[in-house]
Amino acid sequence: MLTLLIIIAIIVLVGLFGVATYNRLVRLRALVKEAFSGITVQLRRRADLLPNLVETVKGYASHEKSTFEAITAARASMAGGGGVAATAAADAQMTGLIGRLFAVAEAYPELKASANFQQLQSEISAIETELQSARRYYNATARDLNTRAQSFPDMLFAGPLGIAQEEYYKDEDPAIQTTPKIDFTPAA
């Protein structure tokens, strides 16, 4: 009788441990999804702001049609969504295009002095800061889930319960992987 009670107690404890482990993994997976949603919200805010920025720059630099068309096409492709890798690739493309747009604006002092342009530039800058935070938060939650899913004894439950590892949000731009060359020699 005592042996039966010990066996039942062990089974109950293992069951409770399994439920607790499963709930912890589910909570981490939910945090990863929430974090990815935070990235997409910031990307949507940036994409919604871009038409105003493009129209402002168009008024001063209407001949820069290829840049404007590229931004419009990239904005449309971001709406398609996709997984983490596809979103990161679209994000990197859009970031590069925004840089090109600001480079175009540099050639027009009256545009840079425009209050509307300055406000839009400030809003884009704020969104980029929030987007960077959202990316870091996503990667931290993905790291936490991946660590748990690979650690013993959680790994015994993760696989059979369908809790897979999440991929990290990566910037695949090769330019960020190399050291920039800085030259302080005066121009002749």
N, C-alpha and C. Protein backbone atom coordinates (compact mmCIF):
# COMPACT_ATOMS: atom_id res chain seq x y z
N MET A 1 0.81 -1.19 0.00
CA MET A 1 0.00 0.00 0.00
C MET A 1 0.86 1.26 0.00
N LEU A 2 1.90 1.24 0.85
CA LEU A 2 2.81 2.39 0.91
C LEU A 2 3.54 2.57 -0.41
N THR A 3 3.92 1.49 -1.05
CA THR A 3 4.60 1.55 -2.33
C THR A 3 3.68 2.15 -3.38
N LEU A 4 2.44 1.80 -3.37
CA LEU A 4 1.46 2.34 -4.30
C LEU A 4 1.31 3.85 -4.10
N LEU A 5 1.25 4.30 -2.85
CA LEU A 5 1.14 5.73 -2.56
C LEU A 5 2.39 6.48 -3.04
N ILE A 6 3.55 5.90 -2.89
CA ILE A 6 4.80 6.53 -3.34
C ILE A 6 4.81 6.63 -4.86
N ILE A 7 4.38 5.58 -5.53
CA ILE A 7 4.32 5.59 -7.00
C ILE A 7 3.33 6.65 -7.48
N ILE A 8 2.17 6.72 -6.85
CA ILE A 8 1.17 7.72 -7.23
C ILE A 8 1.73 9.13 -6.99
N ALA A 9 2.42 9.34 -5.86
CA ALA A 9 3.00 10.64 -5.55
C ALA A 9 4.05 11.03 -6.59
N ILE A 10 4.87 10.08 -7.00
CA ILE A 10 5.89 10.35 -8.02
C ILE A 10 5.23 10.70 -9.34
N ILE A 11 4.20 9.97 -9.71
CA ILE A 11 3.49 10.24 -10.97
C ILE A 11 2.86 11.63 -10.92
N VAL A 12 2.26 11.98 -9.79
CA VAL A 12 1.64 13.30 -9.65
C VAL A 12 2.71 14.39 -9.73
N LEU A 13 3.84 14.20 -9.06
CA LEU A 13 4.92 15.19 -9.10
C LEU A 13 5.48 15.36 -10.52
N VAL A 14 5.70 14.26 -11.21
CA VAL A 14 6.18 14.33 -12.59
C VAL A 14 5.15 15.03 -13.47
N GLY A 15 3.89 14.72 -13.26
CA GLY A 15 2.82 15.38 -14.02
C GLY A 15 2.78 16.88 -13.75
N LEU A 16 2.88 17.27 -12.49
CA LEU A 16 2.89 18.70 -12.14
C LEU A 16 4.12 19.39 -12.72
N PHE A 17 5.26 18.71 -12.67
CA PHE A 17 6.47 19.29 -13.26
C PHE A 17 6.29 19.46 -14.77
N GLY A 18 5.71 18.46 -15.42
CA GLY A 18 5.46 18.55 -16.86
C GLY A 18 4.52 19.68 -17.21
N VAL A 19 3.47 19.85 -16.44
CA VAL A 19 2.52 20.94 -16.68
C VAL A 19 3.20 22.29 -16.48
N ALA A 20 3.99 22.43 -15.42
CA ALA A 20 4.69 23.68 -15.16
C ALA A 20 5.69 24.00 -16.27
N THR A 21 6.40 22.99 -16.73
CA THR A 21 7.37 23.18 -17.81
C THR A 21 6.66 23.58 -19.10
N TYR A 22 5.59 22.89 -19.42
CA TYR A 22 4.82 23.22 -20.62
C TYR A 22 4.30 24.65 -20.55
N ASN A 23 3.74 25.04 -19.41
CA ASN A 23 3.21 26.40 -19.26
C ASN A 23 4.32 27.45 -19.40
N ARG A 24 5.50 27.17 -18.88
CA ARG A 24 6.63 28.09 -19.00
C ARG A 24 7.03 28.24 -20.47
N LEU A 25 7.10 27.13 -21.20
CA LEU A 25 7.46 27.18 -22.61
C LEU A 25 6.40 27.90 -23.44
N VAL A 26 5.14 27.67 -23.12
CA VAL A 26 4.05 28.35 -23.84
C VAL A 26 4.11 29.86 -23.58
N ARG A 27 4.40 30.24 -22.32
CA ARG A 27 4.51 31.66 -21.98
C ARG A 27 5.65 32.29 -22.76
N LEU A 28 6.79 31.61 -22.84
CA LEU A 28 7.93 32.15 -23.60
C LEU A 28 7.61 32.26 -25.09
N ARG A 29 6.90 31.27 -25.62
CA ARG A 29 6.52 31.34 -27.04
C ARG A 29 5.57 32.51 -27.29
N ALA A 30 4.66 32.76 -26.35
CA ALA A 30 3.75 33.89 -26.48
C ALA A 30 4.52 35.21 -26.42
N LEU A 31 5.53 35.28 -25.58
CA LEU A 31 6.35 36.50 -25.51
C LEU A 31 7.09 36.75 -26.81
N VAL A 32 7.57 35.68 -27.45
CA VAL A 32 8.25 35.83 -28.73
C VAL A 32 7.27 36.37 -29.78
N LYS A 33 6.07 35.83 -29.81
CA LYS A 33 5.08 36.31 -30.77
C LYS A 33 4.69 37.77 -30.50
N GLU A 34 4.57 38.10 -29.22
CA GLU A 34 4.27 39.49 -28.86
C GLU A 34 5.41 40.41 -29.29
N ALA A 35 6.64 39.98 -29.08
CA ALA A 35 7.79 40.80 -29.45
C ALA A 35 7.86 40.99 -30.97
N PHE A 36 7.58 39.95 -31.73
CA PHE A 36 7.58 40.08 -33.19
C PHE A 36 6.47 41.04 -33.62
N SER A 37 5.35 40.97 -32.96
CA SER A 37 4.26 41.89 -33.25
C SER A 37 4.68 43.33 -32.99
N GLY A 38 5.50 43.54 -31.96
CA GLY A 38 6.02 44.88 -31.68
C GLY A 38 6.87 45.41 -32.81
N ILE A 39 7.65 44.52 -33.42
CA ILE A 39 8.46 44.93 -34.58
C ILE A 39 7.56 45.32 -35.73
N THR A 40 6.55 44.49 -36.01
CA THR A 40 5.68 44.78 -37.15
C THR A 40 4.88 46.06 -36.93
N VAL A 41 4.53 46.37 -35.69
CA VAL A 41 3.82 47.62 -35.40
C VAL A 41 4.72 48.81 -35.75
N GLN A 42 5.98 48.76 -35.34
CA GLN A 42 6.90 49.86 -35.64
C GLN A 42 7.17 49.96 -37.15
N LEU A 43 7.27 48.83 -37.82
CA LEU A 43 7.46 48.85 -39.27
C LEU A 43 6.25 49.46 -39.96
N ARG A 44 5.07 49.15 -39.47
CA ARG A 44 3.84 49.72 -40.04
C ARG A 44 3.81 51.24 -39.81
N ARG A 45 4.20 51.68 -38.61
CA ARG A 45 4.23 53.12 -38.33
C ARG A 45 5.19 53.82 -39.29
N ARG A 46 6.35 53.20 -39.50
CA ARG A 46 7.33 53.80 -40.41
C ARG A 46 6.78 53.82 -41.84
N ALA A 47 6.19 52.71 -42.26
CA ALA A 47 5.64 52.64 -43.62
C ALA A 47 4.51 53.64 -43.83
N ASP A 48 3.71 53.88 -42.80
CA ASP A 48 2.62 54.84 -42.91
C ASP A 48 3.13 56.28 -42.97
N LEU A 49 4.28 56.53 -42.40
CA LEU A 49 4.85 57.88 -42.39
C LEU A 49 5.57 58.18 -43.70
N LEU A 50 6.04 57.16 -44.39
CA LEU A 50 6.84 57.37 -45.60
C LEU A 50 6.13 58.12 -46.72
N PRO A 51 4.86 57.86 -47.02
CA PRO A 51 4.24 58.64 -48.10
C PRO A 51 4.30 60.15 -47.85
N ASN A 52 4.12 60.57 -46.60
CA ASN A 52 4.21 62.00 -46.28
C ASN A 52 5.62 62.52 -46.53
N LEU A 53 6.60 61.73 -46.11
CA LEU A 53 7.99 62.13 -46.30
C LEU A 53 8.33 62.20 -47.79
N VAL A 54 7.92 61.19 -48.54
CA VAL A 54 8.18 61.17 -49.98
C VAL A 54 7.53 62.36 -50.67
N GLU A 55 6.29 62.65 -50.33
CA GLU A 55 5.60 63.79 -50.94
C GLU A 55 6.30 65.11 -50.62
N THR A 56 6.81 65.23 -49.41
CA THR A 56 7.52 66.45 -49.03
C THR A 56 8.80 66.60 -49.85
N VAL A 57 9.55 65.51 -49.99
CA VAL A 57 10.78 65.56 -50.76
C VAL A 57 10.48 65.74 -52.24
N LYS A 58 9.40 65.14 -52.74
CA LYS A 58 9.04 65.26 -54.16
C LYS A 58 8.84 66.71 -54.56
N GLY A 59 8.30 67.49 -53.65
CA GLY A 59 8.08 68.90 -53.95
C GLY A 59 9.37 69.63 -54.27
N TYR A 60 10.48 69.18 -53.73
CA TYR A 60 11.76 69.84 -53.95
C TYR A 60 12.64 69.10 -54.95
N ALA A 61 12.47 67.81 -55.05
CA ALA A 61 13.36 66.98 -55.88
C ALA A 61 12.55 66.04 -56.75
N SER A 62 11.73 66.57 -57.58
CA SER A 62 10.82 65.74 -58.38
C SER A 62 11.56 64.85 -59.37
N HIS A 63 12.81 65.17 -59.72
CA HIS A 63 13.55 64.37 -60.70
C HIS A 63 14.13 63.09 -60.08
N GLU A 64 14.00 62.89 -58.79
CA GLU A 64 14.52 61.69 -58.12
C GLU A 64 13.48 60.56 -58.15
N LYS A 65 12.86 60.38 -59.29
CA LYS A 65 11.75 59.45 -59.44
C LYS A 65 12.10 58.01 -59.05
N SER A 66 13.29 57.54 -59.38
CA SER A 66 13.65 56.15 -59.11
C SER A 66 13.66 55.87 -57.60
N THR A 67 14.14 56.82 -56.81
CA THR A 67 14.15 56.64 -55.36
C THR A 67 12.72 56.55 -54.83
N PHE A 68 11.84 57.43 -55.31
CA PHE A 68 10.46 57.43 -54.86
C PHE A 68 9.74 56.13 -55.24
N GLU A 69 9.99 55.66 -56.46
CA GLU A 69 9.36 54.42 -56.91
C GLU A 69 9.86 53.22 -56.10
N ALA A 70 11.15 53.23 -55.78
CA ALA A 70 11.73 52.13 -54.99
C ALA A 70 11.12 52.10 -53.59
N ILE A 71 10.92 53.26 -53.01
CA ILE A 71 10.32 53.33 -51.67
C ILE A 71 8.88 52.85 -51.71
N THR A 72 8.14 53.26 -52.72
CA THR A 72 6.75 52.83 -52.86
C THR A 72 6.67 51.31 -53.02
N ALA A 73 7.56 50.75 -53.84
CA ALA A 73 7.57 49.29 -54.05
C ALA A 73 7.96 48.56 -52.76
N ALA A 74 8.96 49.08 -52.05
CA ALA A 74 9.39 48.43 -50.80
C ALA A 74 8.30 48.50 -49.75
N ARG A 75 7.60 49.61 -49.70
CA ARG A 75 6.51 49.77 -48.74
C ARG A 75 5.42 48.74 -49.03
N ALA A 76 5.12 48.53 -50.30
CA ALA A 76 4.10 47.55 -50.67
C ALA A 76 4.56 46.14 -50.31
N SER A 77 5.84 45.83 -50.48
CA SER A 77 6.32 44.49 -50.17
C SER A 77 6.33 44.23 -48.67
N MET A 78 6.48 45.27 -47.86
CA MET A 78 6.46 45.10 -46.40
C MET A 78 5.07 44.72 -45.93
N ALA A 79 4.06 45.16 -46.64
CA ALA A 79 2.68 44.85 -46.26
C ALA A 79 2.40 43.37 -46.39
N GLY A 80 3.17 42.68 -47.25
CA GLY A 80 2.97 41.26 -47.45
C GLY A 80 3.29 40.42 -46.23
N GLY A 81 4.12 40.97 -45.34
CA GLY A 81 4.45 40.24 -44.11
C GLY A 81 5.36 39.07 -44.37
N GLY A 82 5.13 38.00 -43.66
CA GLY A 82 5.97 36.83 -43.77
C GLY A 82 6.60 36.52 -42.43
N GLY A 83 7.57 35.65 -42.47
CA GLY A 83 8.24 35.25 -41.24
C GLY A 83 9.29 36.26 -40.81
N VAL A 84 10.06 35.86 -39.84
CA VAL A 84 11.09 36.73 -39.28
C VAL A 84 12.12 37.11 -40.34
N ALA A 85 12.63 36.14 -41.08
CA ALA A 85 13.67 36.41 -42.08
C ALA A 85 13.16 37.33 -43.19
N ALA A 86 11.95 37.08 -43.68
CA ALA A 86 11.39 37.92 -44.74
C ALA A 86 11.15 39.34 -44.24
N THR A 87 10.67 39.46 -43.03
CA THR A 87 10.43 40.79 -42.45
C THR A 87 11.75 41.53 -42.26
N ALA A 88 12.78 40.83 -41.78
CA ALA A 88 14.08 41.45 -41.58
C ALA A 88 14.68 41.91 -42.91
N ALA A 89 14.51 41.13 -43.96
CA ALA A 89 15.04 41.51 -45.28
C ALA A 89 14.31 42.74 -45.81
N ALA A 90 12.99 42.77 -45.69
CA ALA A 90 12.22 43.93 -46.14
C ALA A 90 12.57 45.16 -45.30
N ASP A 91 12.77 44.96 -44.02
CA ASP A 91 13.16 46.05 -43.12
C ASP A 91 14.50 46.63 -43.53
N ALA A 92 15.47 45.77 -43.82
CA ALA A 92 16.81 46.23 -44.23
C ALA A 92 16.73 47.02 -45.54
N GLN A 93 15.92 46.53 -46.46
CA GLN A 93 15.76 47.23 -47.74
C GLN A 93 15.16 48.61 -47.51
N MET A 94 14.13 48.67 -46.68
CA MET A 94 13.47 49.95 -46.42
C MET A 94 14.41 50.92 -45.71
N THR A 95 15.20 50.43 -44.79
CA THR A 95 16.15 51.28 -44.08
C THR A 95 17.15 51.90 -45.06
N GLY A 96 17.62 51.10 -46.00
CA GLY A 96 18.54 51.62 -47.02
C GLY A 96 17.89 52.67 -47.90
N LEU A 97 16.64 52.45 -48.25
CA LEU A 97 15.92 53.42 -49.10
C LEU A 97 15.66 54.72 -48.35
N ILE A 98 15.37 54.63 -47.07
CA ILE A 98 15.17 55.85 -46.28
C ILE A 98 16.48 56.63 -46.24
N GLY A 99 17.60 55.92 -46.11
CA GLY A 99 18.90 56.59 -46.15
C GLY A 99 19.12 57.30 -47.48
N ARG A 100 18.72 56.65 -48.58
CA ARG A 100 18.83 57.29 -49.90
C ARG A 100 17.95 58.53 -49.98
N LEU A 101 16.76 58.45 -49.41
CA LEU A 101 15.85 59.58 -49.44
C LEU A 101 16.43 60.76 -48.67
N PHE A 102 17.02 60.48 -47.52
CA PHE A 102 17.63 61.56 -46.74
C PHE A 102 18.87 62.11 -47.46
N ALA A 103 19.58 61.25 -48.20
CA ALA A 103 20.72 61.73 -48.98
C ALA A 103 20.26 62.67 -50.08
N VAL A 104 19.13 62.36 -50.71
CA VAL A 104 18.55 63.26 -51.71
C VAL A 104 18.22 64.60 -51.06
N ALA A 105 17.64 64.54 -49.88
CA ALA A 105 17.24 65.77 -49.18
C ALA A 105 18.44 66.64 -48.84
N GLU A 106 19.60 66.03 -48.62
CA GLU A 106 20.81 66.80 -48.28
C GLU A 106 21.17 67.79 -49.38
N ALA A 107 20.81 67.49 -50.62
CA ALA A 107 21.16 68.36 -51.74
C ALA A 107 20.25 69.58 -51.84
N TYR A 108 19.24 69.66 -51.00
CA TYR A 108 18.27 70.76 -51.08
C TYR A 108 18.17 71.47 -49.73
N PRO A 109 18.95 72.54 -49.56
CA PRO A 109 18.95 73.25 -48.26
C PRO A 109 17.57 73.77 -47.87
N GLU A 110 16.79 74.21 -48.85
CA GLU A 110 15.46 74.71 -48.51
C GLU A 110 14.54 73.59 -48.02
N LEU A 111 14.77 72.37 -48.51
CA LEU A 111 14.01 71.21 -48.03
C LEU A 111 14.41 70.88 -46.60
N LYS A 112 15.72 70.86 -46.34
CA LYS A 112 16.19 70.56 -44.99
C LYS A 112 15.69 71.59 -43.99
N ALA A 113 15.46 72.82 -44.44
CA ALA A 113 14.98 73.88 -43.55
C ALA A 113 13.45 73.83 -43.37
N SER A 114 12.77 73.06 -44.20
CA SER A 114 11.31 72.97 -44.12
C SER A 114 10.87 72.35 -42.79
N ALA A 115 9.95 73.04 -42.11
CA ALA A 115 9.46 72.55 -40.82
C ALA A 115 8.78 71.19 -40.98
N ASN A 116 8.05 71.00 -42.05
CA ASN A 116 7.36 69.73 -42.30
C ASN A 116 8.38 68.61 -42.46
N PHE A 117 9.43 68.85 -43.24
CA PHE A 117 10.45 67.83 -43.44
C PHE A 117 11.16 67.53 -42.13
N GLN A 118 11.48 68.54 -41.36
CA GLN A 118 12.17 68.34 -40.08
C GLN A 118 11.31 67.52 -39.13
N GLN A 119 10.00 67.80 -39.11
CA GLN A 119 9.11 67.03 -38.24
C GLN A 119 9.05 65.57 -38.68
N LEU A 120 8.92 65.34 -39.98
CA LEU A 120 8.87 63.97 -40.49
C LEU A 120 10.19 63.24 -40.22
N GLN A 121 11.30 63.93 -40.41
CA GLN A 121 12.60 63.33 -40.15
C GLN A 121 12.73 62.97 -38.67
N SER A 122 12.24 63.83 -37.82
CA SER A 122 12.28 63.57 -36.38
C SER A 122 11.42 62.36 -36.02
N GLU A 123 10.24 62.27 -36.63
CA GLU A 123 9.35 61.13 -36.37
C GLU A 123 9.98 59.83 -36.86
N ILE A 124 10.60 59.86 -38.03
CA ILE A 124 11.28 58.65 -38.55
C ILE A 124 12.39 58.25 -37.59
N SER A 125 13.14 59.22 -37.11
CA SER A 125 14.24 58.93 -36.17
C SER A 125 13.70 58.28 -34.89
N ALA A 126 12.60 58.80 -34.38
CA ALA A 126 12.00 58.23 -33.16
C ALA A 126 11.51 56.81 -33.42
N ILE A 127 10.90 56.59 -34.57
CA ILE A 127 10.42 55.24 -34.91
C ILE A 127 11.61 54.28 -35.05
N GLU A 128 12.70 54.74 -35.66
CA GLU A 128 13.88 53.88 -35.81
C GLU A 128 14.42 53.47 -34.44
N THR A 129 14.40 54.40 -33.49
CA THR A 129 14.86 54.08 -32.13
C THR A 129 13.94 53.04 -31.49
N GLU A 130 12.63 53.22 -31.63
CA GLU A 130 11.68 52.25 -31.09
C GLU A 130 11.80 50.90 -31.80
N LEU A 131 12.06 50.94 -33.08
CA LEU A 131 12.23 49.71 -33.85
C LEU A 131 13.46 48.94 -33.39
N GLN A 132 14.53 49.66 -33.13
CA GLN A 132 15.74 49.02 -32.62
C GLN A 132 15.47 48.35 -31.27
N SER A 133 14.72 49.02 -30.42
CA SER A 133 14.36 48.43 -29.12
C SER A 133 13.49 47.20 -29.30
N ALA A 134 12.54 47.27 -30.23
CA ALA A 134 11.65 46.14 -30.50
C ALA A 134 12.44 44.93 -31.01
N ARG A 135 13.43 45.19 -31.87
CA ARG A 135 14.26 44.09 -32.38
C ARG A 135 15.04 43.43 -31.24
N ARG A 136 15.62 44.26 -30.38
CA ARG A 136 16.39 43.70 -29.25
C ARG A 136 15.48 42.89 -28.33
N TYR A 137 14.28 43.40 -28.07
CA TYR A 137 13.34 42.68 -27.20
C TYR A 137 12.95 41.35 -27.84
N TYR A 138 12.68 41.36 -29.13
CA TYR A 138 12.34 40.12 -29.82
C TYR A 138 13.47 39.11 -29.68
N ASN A 139 14.70 39.53 -29.97
CA ASN A 139 15.83 38.61 -29.90
C ASN A 139 16.05 38.10 -28.48
N ALA A 140 15.78 38.93 -27.48
CA ALA A 140 15.92 38.47 -26.09
C ALA A 140 14.87 37.41 -25.76
N THR A 141 13.64 37.62 -26.21
CA THR A 141 12.61 36.62 -25.93
C THR A 141 12.86 35.33 -26.71
N ALA A 142 13.34 35.46 -27.94
CA ALA A 142 13.69 34.27 -28.73
C ALA A 142 14.84 33.51 -28.06
N ARG A 143 15.80 34.25 -27.55
CA ARG A 143 16.92 33.62 -26.83
C ARG A 143 16.43 32.85 -25.61
N ASP A 144 15.53 33.48 -24.85
CA ASP A 144 15.01 32.82 -23.64
C ASP A 144 14.26 31.54 -23.99
N LEU A 145 13.41 31.60 -25.02
CA LEU A 145 12.68 30.41 -25.44
C LEU A 145 13.64 29.33 -25.94
N ASN A 146 14.58 29.73 -26.79
CA ASN A 146 15.52 28.76 -27.35
C ASN A 146 16.38 28.11 -26.27
N THR A 147 16.78 28.91 -25.29
CA THR A 147 17.59 28.36 -24.19
C THR A 147 16.79 27.33 -23.41
N ARG A 148 15.56 27.65 -23.10
CA ARG A 148 14.70 26.71 -22.37
C ARG A 148 14.44 25.45 -23.19
N ALA A 149 14.15 25.64 -24.47
CA ALA A 149 13.81 24.49 -25.32
C ALA A 149 15.01 23.56 -25.53
N GLN A 150 16.23 24.07 -25.33
CA GLN A 150 17.43 23.25 -25.51
C GLN A 150 17.98 22.73 -24.18
N SER A 151 17.44 23.22 -23.08
CA SER A 151 17.97 22.85 -21.76
C SER A 151 17.23 21.64 -21.20
N PHE A 152 17.99 20.85 -20.46
CA PHE A 152 17.40 19.71 -19.78
C PHE A 152 16.76 20.19 -18.50
N PRO A 153 15.61 19.79 -18.12
CA PRO A 153 14.74 18.76 -18.68
C PRO A 153 13.67 19.33 -19.62
N ASP A 154 13.66 20.67 -19.83
CA ASP A 154 12.63 21.26 -20.67
C ASP A 154 12.63 20.69 -22.08
N MET A 155 13.80 20.31 -22.57
CA MET A 155 13.89 19.76 -23.93
C MET A 155 13.09 18.46 -24.07
N LEU A 156 12.88 17.76 -22.98
CA LEU A 156 12.10 16.53 -23.02
C LEU A 156 10.63 16.82 -23.33
N PHE A 157 10.19 18.02 -22.99
CA PHE A 157 8.79 18.39 -23.22
C PHE A 157 8.62 19.24 -24.48
N ALA A 158 9.61 20.07 -24.80
CA ALA A 158 9.47 21.03 -25.90
C ALA A 158 9.20 20.34 -27.23
N GLY A 159 10.05 19.39 -27.59
CA GLY A 159 9.90 18.71 -28.88
C GLY A 159 8.58 17.98 -29.03
N PRO A 160 8.27 17.09 -28.11
CA PRO A 160 7.01 16.35 -28.24
C PRO A 160 5.76 17.24 -28.20
N LEU A 161 5.86 18.39 -27.55
CA LEU A 161 4.71 19.28 -27.45
C LEU A 161 4.67 20.30 -28.58
N GLY A 162 5.60 20.19 -29.52
CA GLY A 162 5.57 21.05 -30.71
C GLY A 162 6.09 22.46 -30.48
N ILE A 163 6.90 22.66 -29.47
CA ILE A 163 7.44 23.99 -29.22
C ILE A 163 8.83 24.04 -29.86
N ALA A 164 8.90 24.74 -30.98
CA ALA A 164 10.13 24.80 -31.76
C ALA A 164 10.93 26.05 -31.39
N GLN A 165 12.20 26.01 -31.75
CA GLN A 165 13.04 27.18 -31.54
C GLN A 165 12.65 28.28 -32.51
N GLU A 166 12.85 29.51 -32.10
CA GLU A 166 12.55 30.66 -32.94
C GLU A 166 13.84 31.20 -33.55
N GLU A 167 13.74 31.71 -34.78
CA GLU A 167 14.92 32.30 -35.40
C GLU A 167 15.08 33.74 -34.90
N TYR A 168 16.32 34.19 -34.92
CA TYR A 168 16.62 35.55 -34.47
C TYR A 168 16.38 36.54 -35.59
N TYR A 169 16.09 37.76 -35.19
CA TYR A 169 15.91 38.86 -36.14
C TYR A 169 17.31 39.37 -36.49
N LYS A 170 17.74 39.13 -37.73
CA LYS A 170 19.11 39.45 -38.14
C LYS A 170 19.11 40.46 -39.26
N ASP A 171 20.12 41.30 -39.24
CA ASP A 171 20.36 42.22 -40.34
C ASP A 171 21.42 41.59 -41.21
N GLU A 172 21.06 41.20 -42.40
CA GLU A 172 21.97 40.48 -43.29
C GLU A 172 22.84 41.40 -44.12
N ASP A 173 22.81 42.71 -43.86
CA ASP A 173 23.60 43.68 -44.62
C ASP A 173 25.09 43.40 -44.39
N PRO A 174 25.85 43.05 -45.44
CA PRO A 174 27.26 42.74 -45.24
C PRO A 174 28.07 43.96 -44.80
N ALA A 175 27.57 45.15 -45.05
CA ALA A 175 28.32 46.36 -44.69
C ALA A 175 28.48 46.49 -43.17
N ILE A 176 27.53 45.96 -42.41
CA ILE A 176 27.66 46.09 -40.96
C ILE A 176 28.61 45.05 -40.38
N GLN A 177 29.02 44.09 -41.19
CA GLN A 177 29.93 43.06 -40.73
C GLN A 177 31.40 43.44 -40.90
N THR A 178 31.67 44.55 -41.57
CA THR A 178 33.04 44.96 -41.81
C THR A 178 33.34 46.26 -41.08
N THR A 179 34.60 46.46 -40.79
CA THR A 179 35.02 47.68 -40.12
C THR A 179 35.06 48.81 -41.13
N PRO A 180 34.45 49.94 -40.79
CA PRO A 180 34.48 51.06 -41.74
C PRO A 180 35.90 51.63 -41.84
N LYS A 181 36.25 52.09 -43.03
CA LYS A 181 37.55 52.71 -43.23
C LYS A 181 37.39 54.21 -43.05
N ILE A 182 38.21 54.75 -42.16
CA ILE A 182 38.15 56.18 -41.87
C ILE A 182 39.46 56.82 -42.27
N ASP A 183 39.37 57.89 -43.03
CA ASP A 183 40.55 58.57 -43.51
C ASP A 183 40.51 60.02 -43.03
N PHE A 184 41.49 60.39 -42.21
CA PHE A 184 41.54 61.74 -41.66
C PHE A 184 42.54 62.65 -42.42
N THR A 185 43.04 62.16 -43.53
CA THR A 185 43.97 63.00 -44.28
C THR A 185 43.21 64.15 -44.93
N PRO A 186 43.78 65.35 -44.87
CA PRO A 186 43.09 66.49 -45.45
C PRO A 186 43.02 66.37 -46.97
N ALA A 187 41.94 66.87 -47.52
CA ALA A 187 41.76 66.83 -48.97
C ALA A 187 42.74 67.83 -49.61
N ALA A 188 43.25 67.46 -50.77
CA ALA A 188 44.23 68.32 -51.45
C ALA A 188 43.57 69.42 -52.19
